[in-house]
């Protein structure tokens, strides 16, 4: 099976990337439908680590 991965950074309160969240899916999968979910999960974990987006920053 050929696969591809989708990843998002995990940041701490100082905006430092401390980890990454990734999923691996078959290459046939339409990743455009998964990217928002992976990004949202990364933001949620980052918020739990104390990260806050800069005002006016694109999310």
PDB file of N, CA and C in Angstrom:
ATOM      1  N   UNK A   1       0.836  -1.167   0.000  1.00  0.00           N
ATOM      2  CA  UNK A   1       0.000   0.000   0.000  1.00  0.00           C
ATOM      3  C   UNK A   1       0.895   1.250   0.000  1.00  0.00           C
ATOM      4  N   UNK A   2       0.590   2.189  -0.871  1.00  0.00           N
ATOM      5  CA  UNK A   2       1.311   3.459  -0.896  1.00  0.00           C
ATOM      6  C   UNK A   2       0.554   4.439  -0.010  1.00  0.00           C
ATOM      7  N   UNK A   3       1.294   5.157   0.828  1.00  0.00           N
ATOM      8  CA  UNK A   3       0.667   6.059   1.791  1.00  0.00           C
ATOM      9  C   UNK A   3       1.243   7.468   1.686  1.00  0.00           C
ATOM     10  N   UNK A   4       0.556   8.388   2.327  1.00  0.00           N
ATOM     11  CA  UNK A   4       1.041   9.762   2.477  1.00  0.00           C
ATOM     12  C   UNK A   4       0.688  10.214   3.883  1.00  0.00           C
ATOM     13  N   UNK A   5       1.349  11.267   4.336  1.00  0.00           N
ATOM     14  CA  UNK A   5       1.067  11.738   5.691  1.00  0.00           C
ATOM     15  C   UNK A   5       0.672  13.203   5.670  1.00  0.00           C
ATOM     16  N   UNK A   6      -0.063  13.579   6.703  1.00  0.00           N
ATOM     17  CA  UNK A   6      -0.501  14.956   6.923  1.00  0.00           C
ATOM     18  C   UNK A   6      -0.086  15.295   8.341  1.00  0.00           C
ATOM     19  N   UNK A   7       0.537  16.448   8.530  1.00  0.00           N
ATOM     20  CA  UNK A   7       1.075  16.780   9.852  1.00  0.00           C
ATOM     21  C   UNK A   7       0.765  18.228  10.225  1.00  0.00           C
ATOM     22  N   UNK A   8       0.797  18.487  11.527  1.00  0.00           N
ATOM     23  CA  UNK A   8       0.628  19.834  12.067  1.00  0.00           C
ATOM     24  C   UNK A   8       1.567  19.988  13.259  1.00  0.00           C
ATOM     25  N   UNK A   9       2.113  21.186  13.437  1.00  0.00           N
ATOM     26  CA  UNK A   9       3.013  21.406  14.573  1.00  0.00           C
ATOM     27  C   UNK A   9       2.252  21.520  15.891  1.00  0.00           C
ATOM     28  N   UNK A  10       2.912  21.161  16.965  1.00  0.00           N
ATOM     29  CA  UNK A  10       2.413  21.365  18.329  1.00  0.00           C
ATOM     30  C   UNK A  10       3.337  22.403  18.962  1.00  0.00           C
ATOM     31  N   UNK A  11       2.762  23.498  19.435  1.00  0.00           N
ATOM     32  CA  UNK A  11       3.554  24.599  19.997  1.00  0.00           C
ATOM     33  C   UNK A  11       3.289  24.757  21.487  1.00  0.00           C
ATOM     34  N   UNK A  12       4.277  25.322  22.187  1.00  0.00           N
ATOM     35  CA  UNK A  12       4.107  25.598  23.612  1.00  0.00           C
ATOM     36  C   UNK A  12       3.796  27.084  23.815  1.00  0.00           C
ATOM     37  N   UNK A  13       3.783  27.505  25.066  1.00  0.00           N
ATOM     38  CA  UNK A  13       3.416  28.884  25.411  1.00  0.00           C
ATOM     39  C   UNK A  13       4.381  29.916  24.833  1.00  0.00           C
ATOM     40  N   UNK A  14       5.594  29.508  24.476  1.00  0.00           N
ATOM     41  CA  UNK A  14       6.565  30.441  23.900  1.00  0.00           C
ATOM     42  C   UNK A  14       6.547  30.408  22.374  1.00  0.00           C
ATOM     43  N   UNK A  15       5.581  29.711  21.799  1.00  0.00           N
ATOM     44  CA  UNK A  15       5.420  29.556  20.353  1.00  0.00           C
ATOM     45  C   UNK A  15       6.490  28.669  19.722  1.00  0.00           C
ATOM     46  N   UNK A  16       7.197  27.918  20.558  1.00  0.00           N
ATOM     47  CA  UNK A  16       8.202  26.985  20.072  1.00  0.00           C
ATOM     48  C   UNK A  16       7.532  25.680  19.665  1.00  0.00           C
ATOM     49  N   UNK A  17       7.902  25.155  18.511  1.00  0.00           N
ATOM     50  CA  UNK A  17       7.375  23.849  18.096  1.00  0.00           C
ATOM     51  C   UNK A  17       8.049  22.787  18.955  1.00  0.00           C
ATOM     52  N   UNK A  18       7.238  22.045  19.699  1.00  0.00           N
ATOM     53  CA  UNK A  18       7.775  21.042  20.622  1.00  0.00           C
ATOM     54  C   UNK A  18       7.463  19.613  20.188  1.00  0.00           C
ATOM     55  N   UNK A  19       6.568  19.477  19.210  1.00  0.00           N
ATOM     56  CA  UNK A  19       6.177  18.149  18.733  1.00  0.00           C
ATOM     57  C   UNK A  19       5.397  18.323  17.431  1.00  0.00           C
ATOM     58  N   UNK A  20       4.965  17.216  16.901  1.00  0.00           N
ATOM     59  CA  UNK A  20       4.116  17.249  15.708  1.00  0.00           C
ATOM     60  C   UNK A  20       3.071  16.157  15.818  1.00  0.00           C
ATOM     61  N   UNK A  21       1.941  16.418  15.208  1.00  0.00           N
ATOM     62  CA  UNK A  21       0.856  15.452  15.128  1.00  0.00           C
ATOM     63  C   UNK A  21       0.759  15.044  13.666  1.00  0.00           C
ATOM     64  N   UNK A  22       0.714  13.757  13.394  1.00  0.00           N
ATOM     65  CA  UNK A  22       0.591  13.338  11.994  1.00  0.00           C
ATOM     66  C   UNK A  22      -0.331  12.136  11.871  1.00  0.00           C
ATOM     67  N   UNK A  23      -0.903  12.024  10.698  1.00  0.00           N
ATOM     68  CA  UNK A  23      -1.695  10.845  10.353  1.00  0.00           C
ATOM     69  C   UNK A  23      -1.151  10.303   9.038  1.00  0.00           C
ATOM     70  N   UNK A  24      -1.302   9.024   8.833  1.00  0.00           N
ATOM     71  CA  UNK A  24      -0.879   8.363   7.603  1.00  0.00           C
ATOM     72  C   UNK A  24      -2.119   7.745   6.979  1.00  0.00           C
ATOM     73  N   UNK A  25      -2.318   8.050   5.694  1.00  0.00           N
ATOM     74  CA  UNK A  25      -3.507   7.576   4.987  1.00  0.00           C
ATOM     75  C   UNK A  25      -3.094   7.001   3.636  1.00  0.00           C
ATOM     76  N   UNK A  26      -3.937   6.169   3.053  1.00  0.00           N
ATOM     77  CA  UNK A  26      -3.633   5.673   1.699  1.00  0.00           C
ATOM     78  C   UNK A  26      -3.534   6.845   0.723  1.00  0.00           C
ATOM     79  N   UNK A  27      -2.667   6.730  -0.258  1.00  0.00           N
ATOM     80  CA  UNK A  27      -2.429   7.820  -1.204  1.00  0.00           C
ATOM     81  C   UNK A  27      -3.710   8.212  -1.964  1.00  0.00           C
ATOM     82  N   UNK A  28      -4.648   7.302  -2.091  1.00  0.00           N
ATOM     83  CA  UNK A  28      -5.898   7.594  -2.794  1.00  0.00           C
ATOM     84  C   UNK A  28      -6.827   8.512  -2.004  1.00  0.00           C
ATOM     85  N   UNK A  29      -6.565   8.685  -0.726  1.00  0.00           N
ATOM     86  CA  UNK A  29      -7.421   9.500   0.137  1.00  0.00           C
ATOM     87  C   UNK A  29      -7.332  10.968  -0.252  1.00  0.00           C
ATOM     88  N   UNK A  30      -8.475  11.635  -0.304  1.00  0.00           N
ATOM     89  CA  UNK A  30      -8.511  13.072  -0.587  1.00  0.00           C
ATOM     90  C   UNK A  30      -8.091  13.818   0.679  1.00  0.00           C
ATOM     91  N   UNK A  31      -6.829  14.195   0.748  1.00  0.00           N
ATOM     92  CA  UNK A  31      -6.299  14.807   1.963  1.00  0.00           C
ATOM     93  C   UNK A  31      -6.877  16.189   2.233  1.00  0.00           C
ATOM     94  N   UNK A  32      -7.462  16.824   1.222  1.00  0.00           N
ATOM     95  CA  UNK A  32      -8.060  18.152   1.443  1.00  0.00           C
ATOM     96  C   UNK A  32      -9.154  18.102   2.492  1.00  0.00           C
ATOM     97  N   UNK A  33      -9.791  16.955   2.648  1.00  0.00           N
ATOM     98  CA  UNK A  33     -10.846  16.834   3.653  1.00  0.00           C
ATOM     99  C   UNK A  33     -10.287  16.590   5.053  1.00  0.00           C
ATOM    100  N   UNK A  34      -9.030  16.147   5.137  1.00  0.00           N
ATOM    101  CA  UNK A  34      -8.426  15.820   6.434  1.00  0.00           C
ATOM    102  C   UNK A  34      -7.575  16.952   7.008  1.00  0.00           C
ATOM    103  N   UNK A  35      -7.042  17.797   6.145  1.00  0.00           N
ATOM    104  CA  UNK A  35      -6.141  18.866   6.601  1.00  0.00           C
ATOM    105  C   UNK A  35      -6.784  19.744   7.677  1.00  0.00           C
ATOM    106  N   UNK A  36      -8.026  20.218   7.504  1.00  0.00           N
ATOM    107  CA  UNK A  36      -8.622  21.055   8.566  1.00  0.00           C
ATOM    108  C   UNK A  36      -8.720  20.332   9.911  1.00  0.00           C
ATOM    109  N   UNK A  37      -9.019  19.042   9.896  1.00  0.00           N
ATOM    110  CA  UNK A  37      -9.136  18.287  11.145  1.00  0.00           C
ATOM    111  C   UNK A  37      -7.783  18.134  11.834  1.00  0.00           C
ATOM    112  N   UNK A  38      -6.738  17.867  11.048  1.00  0.00           N
ATOM    113  CA  UNK A  38      -5.395  17.719  11.627  1.00  0.00           C
ATOM    114  C   UNK A  38      -4.933  19.064  12.193  1.00  0.00           C
ATOM    115  N   UNK A  39      -5.162  20.138  11.452  1.00  0.00           N
ATOM    116  CA  UNK A  39      -4.782  21.473  11.940  1.00  0.00           C
ATOM    117  C   UNK A  39      -5.548  21.824  13.221  1.00  0.00           C
ATOM    118  N   UNK A  40      -6.846  21.538  13.254  1.00  0.00           N
ATOM    119  CA  UNK A  40      -7.647  21.835  14.446  1.00  0.00           C
ATOM    120  C   UNK A  40      -7.157  21.040  15.647  1.00  0.00           C
ATOM    121  N   UNK A  41      -6.819  19.780  15.433  1.00  0.00           N
ATOM    122  CA  UNK A  41      -6.292  18.959  16.528  1.00  0.00           C
ATOM    123  C   UNK A  41      -4.960  19.519  17.017  1.00  0.00           C
ATOM    124  N   UNK A  42      -4.102  19.926  16.089  1.00  0.00           N
ATOM    125  CA  UNK A  42      -2.814  20.530  16.466  1.00  0.00           C
ATOM    126  C   UNK A  42      -3.009  21.798  17.266  1.00  0.00           C
ATOM    127  N   UNK A  43      -3.955  22.643  16.830  1.00  0.00           N
ATOM    128  CA  UNK A  43      -4.245  23.866  17.587  1.00  0.00           C
ATOM    129  C   UNK A  43      -4.780  23.540  18.976  1.00  0.00           C
ATOM    130  N   UNK A  44      -5.655  22.545  19.072  1.00  0.00           N
ATOM    131  CA  UNK A  44      -6.217  22.173  20.370  1.00  0.00           C
ATOM    132  C   UNK A  44      -5.156  21.684  21.343  1.00  0.00           C
ATOM    133  N   UNK A  45      -4.274  20.835  20.864  1.00  0.00           N
ATOM    134  CA  UNK A  45      -3.195  20.339  21.723  1.00  0.00           C
ATOM    135  C   UNK A  45      -2.269  21.493  22.097  1.00  0.00           C
ATOM    136  N   UNK A  46      -1.964  22.357  21.124  1.00  0.00           N
ATOM    137  CA  UNK A  46      -1.098  23.505  21.401  1.00  0.00           C
ATOM    138  C   UNK A  46      -1.716  24.414  22.456  1.00  0.00           C
ATOM    139  N   UNK A  47      -3.003  24.664  22.352  1.00  0.00           N
ATOM    140  CA  UNK A  47      -3.675  25.496  23.367  1.00  0.00           C
ATOM    141  C   UNK A  47      -3.565  24.855  24.753  1.00  0.00           C
ATOM    142  N   UNK A  48      -3.692  23.544  24.813  1.00  0.00           N
ATOM    143  CA  UNK A  48      -3.550  22.850  26.097  1.00  0.00           C
ATOM    144  C   UNK A  48      -2.127  22.992  26.647  1.00  0.00           C
ATOM    145  N   UNK A  49      -1.157  23.220  25.746  1.00  0.00           N
ATOM    146  CA  UNK A  49       0.239  23.407  26.161  1.00  0.00           C
ATOM    147  C   UNK A  49       0.556  24.869  26.475  1.00  0.00           C
ATOM    148  N   UNK A  50      -0.469  25.741  26.375  1.00  0.00           N
ATOM    149  CA  UNK A  50      -0.286  27.148  26.714  1.00  0.00           C
ATOM    150  C   UNK A  50      -0.134  28.083  25.531  1.00  0.00           C
ATOM    151  N   UNK A  51      -0.153  27.578  24.309  1.00  0.00           N
ATOM    152  CA  UNK A  51       0.006  28.402  23.115  1.00  0.00           C
ATOM    153  C   UNK A  51      -1.252  29.226  22.860  1.00  0.00           C
ATOM    154  N   UNK A  52      -1.058  30.434  22.414  1.00  0.00           N
ATOM    155  CA  UNK A  52      -2.157  31.292  21.985  1.00  0.00           C
ATOM    156  C   UNK A  52      -1.758  31.917  20.654  1.00  0.00           C
ATOM    157  N   UNK A  53      -2.669  31.912  19.668  1.00  0.00           N
ATOM    158  CA  UNK A  53      -2.328  32.517  18.379  1.00  0.00           C
ATOM    159  C   UNK A  53      -2.168  34.028  18.517  1.00  0.00           C
ATOM    160  N   UNK A  54      -1.281  34.586  17.715  1.00  0.00           N
ATOM    161  CA  UNK A  54      -1.092  36.041  17.721  1.00  0.00           C
ATOM    162  C   UNK A  54      -2.372  36.693  17.196  1.00  0.00           C
ATOM    163  N   UNK A  55      -2.683  37.866  17.715  1.00  0.00           N
ATOM    164  CA  UNK A  55      -3.886  38.567  17.235  1.00  0.00           C
ATOM    165  C   UNK A  55      -3.725  38.877  15.755  1.00  0.00           C
ATOM    166  N   UNK A  56      -4.775  38.590  15.005  1.00  0.00           N
ATOM    167  CA  UNK A  56      -4.751  38.829  13.576  1.00  0.00           C
ATOM    168  C   UNK A  56      -4.012  37.776  12.774  1.00  0.00           C
ATOM    169  N   UNK A  57      -3.483  36.761  13.443  1.00  0.00           N
ATOM    170  CA  UNK A  57      -2.745  35.710  12.728  1.00  0.00           C
ATOM    171  C   UNK A  57      -3.713  34.802  11.985  1.00  0.00           C
ATOM    172  N   UNK A  58      -3.276  34.359  10.824  1.00  0.00           N
ATOM    173  CA  UNK A  58      -4.060  33.393  10.066  1.00  0.00           C
ATOM    174  C   UNK A  58      -3.934  32.036  10.733  1.00  0.00           C
ATOM    175  N   UNK A  59      -5.035  31.354  10.885  1.00  0.00           N
ATOM    176  CA  UNK A  59      -4.990  30.055  11.555  1.00  0.00           C
ATOM    177  C   UNK A  59      -5.115  28.974  10.563  1.00  0.00           C
TER     178      UNK A  59
END
